[in-house]
Each structure stands twice: as structure tokens, then as C-alpha cells.
Amino acid sequence: MNQRNNNHRTGYVVAGVICGFFMLLLLIGCIIITVKICQYADEGKIDAWLEEEDSDWDDDDYDEDDSDWYDDEDDSDWHDEYDEDDDDWLDDYDESDSEWDDDDYDWDEPIVTYEDMMEGPSNGKYFAYETDNRVYDLSYQVEMISDEYFDEGQSGDDYYTTYVQYFYPVVSGDVPNVDIINETIAAEWQSFIEYYEADYRPYITGDEDSIYAELIGRVAYMSEDVLSIVYQEDIMYGDEYYDAYVYSLNFDMKSGVLLDNTQILNTDEEFAKTFVIKNNVQNGEFSDLEELSYEEIAEMMDTNRLILFYVPQGMEVGLNTENGWVSITLEDYEKYLKVL
């Protein structure tokens, strides 16, 4: 046996093993790097890094203490209002003060239009509030108006902001008392603003008293005989108190007279029992109703807490309670009509 040749061959084998080991390490490293690159690409970190490299960011203006907003995008207040198609907001943004420059904002242009919020006529088994039930071949027409109210000020060392967005119908055409009808419809949002300016604003102490409100008036039903308008109102007082309310109006379009909702249906205890049963089927149990007797419910339906208006399916009947509101769609309402 040639010992020298055996040793030489053994050296090649050892060298090959070592090279193979390093190649394996290199392959594993490449795989890890590739996986990380794919992961960063999926998370958008590569795009963010490239954008950062291409931007004109001024490092002197960057405050590391304020960098948390970038990491938690979902918790930022501005995120829901940001328009990706409009980058001009960057020019007006002041890092030292996160408030918008109100002089640069066009408050005459509503954030959301009436058409944006509607889904077309209510054709399902139950009435849907987010629907537009206007009819266009009658002797009168209804136009929807979108507007908003904005107020801000200072109380002591604190600031407050109030924003109210409201939608309301305006009637035109061959209808008696059409001006009175429109004044009655508009009085709902007007009275809220008057209440704010006269009875609420004088007692504001700071931002915790700011108001954000939506008063959305809709056409629930429209025919030659009846026009039903329903306001759905959601009001946030500061960060602690929330109020939800439904206000309904029914007009006799032959005479131009506002109907008294409490004089349309016979809402006695038997009706109250039917109302609760139908509500449990349509909406599920509502705690405010479960805590009331049928007698108490009937008494509440004889007050301005009553929700009642005509709908394509029949009639919508409900109550405004201490913790919100509830309503049901009543197809066979005729058998509950009051006999005049």
C-alpha cells in the first residue's frame, strides 16, 4: 500500500468536506436572506425604506419622541380622514400642532354626501334606514340638501370644536302649504343648532365638551297622499356621552298638514305586547323594552318618544328610550289604525 498516495487522497476528501460544509452554510444564509427580503416586502418595509430614501425629509425636524404614530397607524385620528389622492395636506401640517389649519379647509363642502350614504329604495322584508325612497313621477318633488355647521373656540386655557353635519329634504311642486312643510322639516336641525348656541356653548369648559353630530333626514315614504320623513340622529358629546335618537314626520300631502303620530295607531297594551314580540323576532331582545311592562310601553307610545312613519313595506313603529331607540316594520298596520 502506498502510504503517501493514501494520505494525499485523504487530504482531497477532507478538503472536499470542508468546502461542502461552507457551501452548505452559504446556501442556508442565502435562503434566510431571501426569506427575510420576502417578509419585509410583504410588510411594506422595503417600499417604506425606498420612499424614505427618495423623500426630501428634513432630519432636523424629525422628533423621535413622536415616531409612535408611524408604528401604530390604526390608532391615529387623522388616518380615517386622510385622502391618498391628495398630498397637499402635507404642506399644511404642522408637526408642533396636530390641529388642522381651519382657514385652509373648505367647510362649505360636506365630507359625505347624501348619495354616498344611501343604498337605493328599501325593498327587503324590513325597512332599512340607509335607503333613499324618493319617487320621481308625482305632482311634487323632493330634493335632498347636505350642509354642515362648524364652531370652535376657547374656554379658559382649553379649546373646543363642534361639528354638525345634517341632511334634510326640501319639497317643491303642486302641494298646499309647501313652505310650511319645508319649515317644519328644517326645524329639526335648526332647533339643534339653536340649542347648542343658546343653551350649550355658554357652559363649555374645554375639549371634553366638544360635539360631533350627524342629523340625517331621509324620505322614508312618498306618495300623492303621504310624505314620511325620518331623521336619524347620532350625537357625541366629548369622549364620554353618546346620544342616538329617531324623529319622524308624516304629512298629509292633500292638505299640506303635519299628522299627529300618536293619533294614527291604537297603541294600547295589546299592541305593546305585539310590538315586543315582533321586535324580538326582527331585532333580538332590547334591554330597555325587557325592563318595561306592556302598560309602560303603551304609555310611552302616547308621547313624543314614539317613532312612527310610513315605509314601502307598510309602517315603521318604534320608541326612543333612555339607551337609544328601537323600531319594527309593521306590514299589517291597517288593523291597528285608530277609528276617527
Protein backbone atom coordinates (compact mmCIF):
# COMPACT_ATOMS: atom_id res chain seq x y z
CA MET A 1 0.00 0.00 0.00
CA ASN A 2 1.41 3.34 -0.89
CA GLN A 3 1.04 5.39 2.30
CA ARG A 4 1.87 8.67 0.57
CA ASN A 5 -0.81 8.24 -2.04
CA ASN A 6 -3.35 7.31 0.61
CA ASN A 7 -2.55 10.44 2.64
CA HIS A 8 -2.79 12.63 -0.48
CA ARG A 9 -6.19 11.17 -1.34
CA THR A 10 -7.35 11.65 2.25
CA GLY A 11 -6.40 15.35 2.02
CA TYR A 12 -8.61 15.79 -1.00
CA VAL A 13 -11.50 14.17 0.79
CA VAL A 14 -11.06 16.41 3.84
CA ALA A 15 -10.79 19.50 1.65
CA GLY A 16 -13.93 18.49 -0.21
CA VAL A 17 -15.86 18.01 3.02
CA ILE A 18 -14.77 21.41 4.31
CA CYS A 19 -15.72 23.13 1.05
CA GLY A 20 -19.05 21.34 1.02
CA PHE A 21 -19.72 22.46 4.59
CA PHE A 22 -19.02 26.11 3.74
CA MET A 23 -21.17 25.87 0.60
CA LEU A 24 -24.00 24.49 2.74
CA LEU A 25 -23.63 27.40 5.18
CA LEU A 26 -23.64 29.84 2.27
CA LEU A 27 -26.79 28.25 0.84
CA ILE A 28 -28.53 28.39 4.21
CA GLY A 29 -27.52 32.05 4.55
CA CYS A 30 -28.91 32.86 1.11
CA ILE A 31 -32.17 31.12 1.96
CA ILE A 32 -32.51 33.08 5.23
CA ILE A 33 -31.78 36.39 3.47
CA THR A 34 -34.30 35.60 0.72
CA VAL A 35 -36.99 34.72 3.27
CA LYS A 36 -36.34 37.95 5.19
CA ILE A 37 -36.49 40.02 2.00
CA CYS A 38 -39.83 38.44 1.09
CA GLN A 39 -41.12 39.03 4.60
CA TYR A 40 -40.08 42.70 4.56
CA ALA A 41 -41.61 43.09 1.11
CA ASP A 42 -44.93 41.67 2.34
CA GLU A 43 -44.87 44.05 5.33
CA GLY A 44 -44.13 47.03 3.09
CA LYS A 45 -40.87 47.81 4.86
CA ILE A 46 -38.84 47.82 1.66
CA ASP A 47 -41.24 50.26 -0.02
CA ALA A 48 -41.20 52.45 3.09
CA TRP A 49 -37.37 52.41 3.07
CA LEU A 50 -37.21 53.30 -0.63
CA GLU A 51 -39.72 56.11 -0.15
CA GLU A 52 -37.69 57.41 2.75
CA GLU A 53 -34.53 57.41 0.62
CA ASP A 54 -36.28 59.32 -2.19
CA SER A 55 -38.09 61.85 0.01
CA ASP A 56 -36.92 65.31 1.00
CA TRP A 57 -37.32 64.56 4.68
CA ASP A 58 -35.59 67.02 6.91
CA ASP A 59 -33.89 65.09 9.70
CA ASP A 60 -33.57 68.24 11.76
CA ASP A 61 -37.35 68.49 12.02
CA TYR A 62 -37.85 64.87 12.97
CA ASP A 63 -38.70 64.19 16.58
CA GLU A 64 -38.02 60.61 17.66
CA ASP A 65 -40.40 61.04 20.60
CA ASP A 66 -43.27 61.50 18.14
CA SER A 67 -42.44 58.49 15.99
CA ASP A 68 -45.04 56.25 17.61
CA TRP A 69 -47.73 57.48 15.23
CA TYR A 70 -45.97 55.76 12.35
CA ASP A 71 -45.76 52.42 14.14
CA ASP A 72 -49.44 52.37 15.14
CA GLU A 73 -51.28 53.61 12.11
CA ASP A 74 -54.64 52.24 13.18
CA ASP A 75 -54.74 54.39 16.35
CA SER A 76 -54.11 57.74 14.67
CA ASP A 77 -57.04 60.15 14.49
CA TRP A 78 -56.07 61.59 11.15
CA HIS A 79 -55.92 58.21 9.43
CA ASP A 80 -59.64 57.96 8.66
CA GLU A 81 -59.69 61.42 7.10
CA TYR A 82 -56.56 61.09 5.02
CA ASP A 83 -57.08 61.25 1.26
CA GLU A 84 -54.37 59.29 -0.54
CA ASP A 85 -55.13 61.12 -3.78
CA ASP A 86 -54.42 64.49 -2.24
CA ASP A 87 -50.96 65.06 -0.78
CA ASP A 88 -51.46 68.81 -0.34
CA TRP A 89 -52.28 68.24 3.32
CA LEU A 90 -48.55 67.76 3.94
CA ASP A 91 -47.98 71.41 3.15
CA ASP A 92 -50.47 72.50 5.83
CA TYR A 93 -49.43 70.04 8.53
CA ASP A 94 -47.60 71.49 11.49
CA GLU A 95 -45.60 68.92 13.48
CA SER A 96 -45.71 71.08 16.57
CA ASP A 97 -49.50 71.24 16.44
CA SER A 98 -51.56 68.36 15.10
CA GLU A 99 -54.66 70.55 14.57
CA TRP A 100 -55.66 71.34 11.01
CA ASP A 101 -55.46 74.87 9.72
CA ASP A 102 -59.17 75.67 9.53
CA ASP A 103 -58.52 78.62 7.21
CA ASP A 104 -57.36 76.18 4.54
CA TYR A 105 -60.32 73.80 4.87
CA ASP A 106 -63.43 74.33 2.78
CA TRP A 107 -66.24 73.87 5.28
CA ASP A 108 -68.79 74.54 2.53
CA GLU A 109 -68.07 71.10 1.06
CA PRO A 110 -69.60 68.27 3.15
CA ILE A 111 -67.32 65.35 3.95
CA VAL A 112 -70.01 62.85 2.97
CA THR A 113 -72.86 63.46 0.53
CA TYR A 114 -76.40 62.17 0.89
CA GLU A 115 -75.93 59.95 -2.15
CA ASP A 116 -72.83 58.40 -0.54
CA MET A 117 -74.90 57.23 2.42
CA MET A 118 -77.91 55.84 0.57
CA GLU A 119 -78.38 52.35 -0.85
CA GLY A 120 -81.46 52.83 -3.04
CA PRO A 121 -85.10 52.01 -2.26
CA SER A 122 -85.95 49.83 0.73
CA ASN A 123 -87.23 46.63 -0.88
CA GLY A 124 -86.46 44.00 1.77
CA LYS A 125 -88.79 42.41 4.28
CA TYR A 126 -87.85 45.00 6.86
CA PHE A 127 -87.36 48.73 6.34
CA ALA A 128 -83.72 49.82 6.07
CA TYR A 129 -82.87 53.32 7.29
CA GLU A 130 -79.92 53.77 4.92
CA THR A 131 -82.17 53.95 1.86
CA ASP A 132 -83.50 56.64 -0.47
CA ASN A 133 -87.21 56.10 -1.11
CA ARG A 134 -87.95 59.15 -3.22
CA VAL A 135 -90.40 58.79 -6.12
CA TYR A 136 -89.93 60.92 -9.23
CA ASP A 137 -93.27 60.72 -11.08
CA LEU A 138 -95.53 62.56 -8.59
CA SER A 139 -97.08 66.03 -8.63
CA TYR A 140 -94.39 67.17 -6.20
CA GLN A 141 -90.65 66.59 -5.89
CA VAL A 142 -88.18 66.24 -3.04
CA GLU A 143 -84.58 67.46 -3.22
CA MET A 144 -82.01 66.44 -0.63
CA ILE A 145 -79.83 69.20 0.85
CA SER A 146 -76.48 68.47 2.52
CA ASP A 147 -74.93 71.05 4.83
CA GLU A 148 -72.76 71.38 7.92
CA TYR A 149 -72.17 73.60 10.93
CA PHE A 150 -68.76 74.25 12.43
CA ASP A 151 -67.82 76.12 15.58
CA GLU A 152 -64.62 76.35 17.58
CA GLY A 153 -63.46 78.47 20.45
CA GLN A 154 -61.53 78.70 23.68
CA SER A 155 -62.71 78.28 27.24
CA GLY A 156 -60.00 79.22 29.70
CA ASP A 157 -56.82 77.53 28.54
CA ASP A 158 -58.62 74.76 26.66
CA TYR A 159 -60.07 74.67 23.15
CA TYR A 160 -63.24 73.06 21.85
CA THR A 161 -64.63 72.14 18.44
CA THR A 162 -68.21 71.43 17.40
CA TYR A 163 -69.12 69.88 14.08
CA VAL A 164 -72.64 69.08 12.91
CA GLN A 165 -73.42 67.51 9.56
CA TYR A 166 -77.05 67.41 8.51
CA PHE A 167 -79.16 66.28 5.56
CA TYR A 168 -82.75 67.32 5.02
CA PRO A 169 -85.42 67.12 2.31
CA VAL A 170 -86.91 70.17 0.55
CA VAL A 171 -90.32 69.80 -1.09
CA SER A 172 -91.41 71.62 -4.26
CA GLY A 173 -94.35 71.32 -6.63
CA ASP A 174 -98.13 71.44 -6.50
CA VAL A 175 -98.64 70.93 -2.76
CA PRO A 176 -100.70 73.00 -0.29
CA ASN A 177 -98.66 74.75 2.43
CA VAL A 178 -95.38 73.70 0.82
CA ASP A 179 -93.46 76.47 2.60
CA ILE A 180 -94.81 75.38 5.98
CA ILE A 181 -93.92 71.77 5.19
CA ASN A 182 -90.31 72.76 4.44
CA GLU A 183 -90.09 74.95 7.54
CA THR A 184 -91.32 72.05 9.67
CA ILE A 185 -88.78 69.65 8.16
CA ALA A 186 -85.86 72.08 8.58
CA ALA A 187 -86.88 72.97 12.14
CA GLU A 188 -85.36 69.71 13.42
CA TRP A 189 -81.74 70.52 12.56
CA GLN A 190 -82.25 74.25 13.14
CA SER A 191 -83.50 73.66 16.68
CA PHE A 192 -80.43 71.55 17.48
CA ILE A 193 -78.05 74.32 16.39
CA GLU A 194 -80.12 76.92 18.26
CA TYR A 195 -79.97 74.75 21.38
CA TYR A 196 -76.20 74.44 21.02
CA GLU A 197 -75.60 78.17 20.61
CA ALA A 198 -78.03 79.34 23.30
CA ASP A 199 -78.03 76.62 25.95
CA TYR A 200 -74.89 74.50 25.47
CA ARG A 201 -72.00 76.63 24.23
CA PRO A 202 -72.10 79.12 27.14
CA TYR A 203 -71.29 76.28 29.54
CA ILE A 204 -68.48 74.63 27.57
CA THR A 205 -65.36 74.23 29.71
CA GLY A 206 -62.99 72.60 27.23
CA ASP A 207 -62.39 69.93 24.63
CA GLU A 208 -64.26 67.33 26.69
CA ASP A 209 -67.46 69.25 25.83
CA SER A 210 -66.90 69.27 22.07
CA ILE A 211 -69.73 67.91 19.92
CA TYR A 212 -69.72 65.78 16.80
CA ALA A 213 -73.20 65.17 15.40
CA GLU A 214 -74.94 63.72 12.37
CA LEU A 215 -78.60 64.58 11.73
CA ILE A 216 -79.62 62.62 8.66
CA GLY A 217 -83.09 63.33 7.30
CA ARG A 218 -84.42 60.83 4.76
CA VAL A 219 -87.52 60.21 2.69
CA ALA A 220 -88.99 57.01 4.12
CA TYR A 221 -92.18 57.03 2.05
CA MET A 222 -93.53 59.22 -0.72
CA SER A 223 -96.92 59.12 -2.48
CA GLU A 224 -99.61 61.54 -3.67
CA ASP A 225 -101.28 61.15 -0.26
CA VAL A 226 -98.47 60.89 2.28
CA LEU A 227 -94.87 62.05 2.70
CA SER A 228 -92.90 60.49 5.57
CA ILE A 229 -89.59 61.97 6.71
CA VAL A 230 -87.34 60.32 9.29
CA TYR A 231 -84.33 61.89 11.00
CA GLN A 232 -81.68 59.55 12.37
CA GLU A 233 -79.55 61.49 14.84
CA ASP A 234 -76.23 60.45 16.37
CA ILE A 235 -74.54 62.90 18.72
CA MET A 236 -71.23 62.52 20.55
CA TYR A 237 -70.62 64.86 23.48
CA GLY A 238 -66.87 64.84 24.09
CA ASP A 239 -65.50 61.34 24.58
CA GLU A 240 -67.94 60.11 27.20
CA TYR A 241 -71.59 60.66 26.28
CA TYR A 242 -73.35 59.37 23.16
CA ASP A 243 -76.96 60.05 22.21
CA ALA A 244 -78.95 58.32 19.46
CA TYR A 245 -82.44 59.41 18.50
CA VAL A 246 -85.02 58.97 15.73
CA TYR A 247 -87.51 61.72 14.87
CA SER A 248 -90.32 61.12 12.39
CA LEU A 249 -92.68 63.40 10.46
CA ASN A 250 -95.76 62.44 8.44
CA PHE A 251 -97.52 64.91 6.15
CA ASP A 252 -100.94 64.69 4.52
CA MET A 253 -99.94 65.88 1.04
CA LYS A 254 -103.54 66.56 0.02
CA SER A 255 -103.94 69.22 2.71
CA GLY A 256 -100.28 70.00 3.50
CA VAL A 257 -100.88 69.29 7.20
CA LEU A 258 -98.50 67.58 9.65
CA LEU A 259 -100.11 64.50 11.16
CA ASP A 260 -100.05 63.74 14.88
CA ASN A 261 -98.16 60.43 15.15
CA THR A 262 -99.89 59.47 18.38
CA GLN A 263 -103.29 59.70 16.66
CA ILE A 264 -102.55 57.25 13.82
CA LEU A 265 -102.36 53.85 15.57
CA ASN A 266 -104.13 52.41 18.58
CA THR A 267 -101.05 51.70 20.72
CA ASP A 268 -102.67 50.06 23.72
CA GLU A 269 -101.22 47.28 25.92
CA GLU A 270 -102.18 44.58 23.41
CA PHE A 271 -100.28 46.47 20.71
CA ALA A 272 -97.33 46.90 23.09
CA LYS A 273 -97.21 43.12 23.55
CA THR A 274 -97.25 42.60 19.77
CA PHE A 275 -94.52 45.22 19.42
CA VAL A 276 -92.20 43.43 21.85
CA ILE A 277 -92.79 40.02 20.26
CA LYS A 278 -92.14 41.33 16.73
CA ASN A 279 -89.06 43.20 17.93
CA ASN A 280 -87.58 40.04 19.42
CA VAL A 281 -88.01 38.35 16.04
CA GLN A 282 -86.74 41.23 13.90
CA ASN A 283 -84.04 42.77 16.09
CA GLY A 284 -83.48 40.48 19.04
CA GLU A 285 -84.16 41.38 22.67
CA PHE A 286 -83.70 45.05 23.60
CA SER A 287 -82.89 45.54 27.28
CA ASP A 288 -84.89 48.75 27.64
CA LEU A 289 -88.04 47.00 26.46
CA GLU A 290 -87.44 43.96 28.65
CA GLU A 291 -87.34 46.20 31.71
CA LEU A 292 -90.72 47.80 30.91
CA SER A 293 -94.22 46.44 31.34
CA TYR A 294 -96.66 46.45 28.43
CA GLU A 295 -98.56 49.23 30.18
CA GLU A 296 -95.42 51.39 30.42
CA ILE A 297 -94.59 50.79 26.78
CA ALA A 298 -98.11 51.78 25.75
CA GLU A 299 -97.84 54.96 27.82
CA MET A 300 -94.51 55.86 26.19
CA MET A 301 -96.05 55.38 22.75
CA ASP A 302 -98.53 58.11 23.58
CA THR A 303 -95.72 60.67 23.92
CA ASN A 304 -93.08 62.25 21.69
CA ARG A 305 -90.92 59.18 22.30
CA LEU A 306 -92.99 57.39 19.65
CA ILE A 307 -91.33 56.61 16.31
CA LEU A 308 -93.92 56.20 13.56
CA PHE A 309 -93.73 56.69 9.80
CA TYR A 310 -94.91 55.10 6.59
CA VAL A 311 -92.50 52.88 4.63
CA PRO A 312 -92.77 50.89 1.36
CA GLN A 313 -93.33 47.72 3.42
CA GLY A 314 -96.15 49.26 5.49
CA MET A 315 -95.33 51.26 8.62
CA GLU A 316 -92.30 51.57 10.90
CA VAL A 317 -93.13 51.82 14.61
CA GLY A 318 -90.71 52.24 17.49
CA LEU A 319 -89.60 54.03 20.63
CA ASN A 320 -86.83 56.34 21.72
CA THR A 321 -85.61 55.04 25.09
CA GLU A 322 -83.02 56.02 27.66
CA ASN A 323 -80.30 54.00 25.91
CA GLY A 324 -81.10 54.53 22.24
CA TRP A 325 -84.01 53.55 20.04
CA VAL A 326 -85.70 50.53 18.52
CA SER A 327 -88.22 50.09 15.71
CA ILE A 328 -90.05 47.33 13.85
CA THR A 329 -91.57 47.05 10.38
CA LEU A 330 -95.32 46.51 10.62
CA GLU A 331 -96.81 45.18 7.38
CA ASP A 332 -100.37 44.74 8.67
CA TYR A 333 -100.62 48.15 10.32
CA GLU A 334 -104.14 48.78 8.97
CA LYS A 335 -105.76 46.64 11.66
CA TYR A 336 -104.21 48.88 14.33
CA LEU A 337 -105.40 52.18 12.83
CA LYS A 338 -107.43 54.40 15.12
CA VAL A 339 -111.07 54.85 14.14
CA LEU A 340 -111.71 58.58 13.88
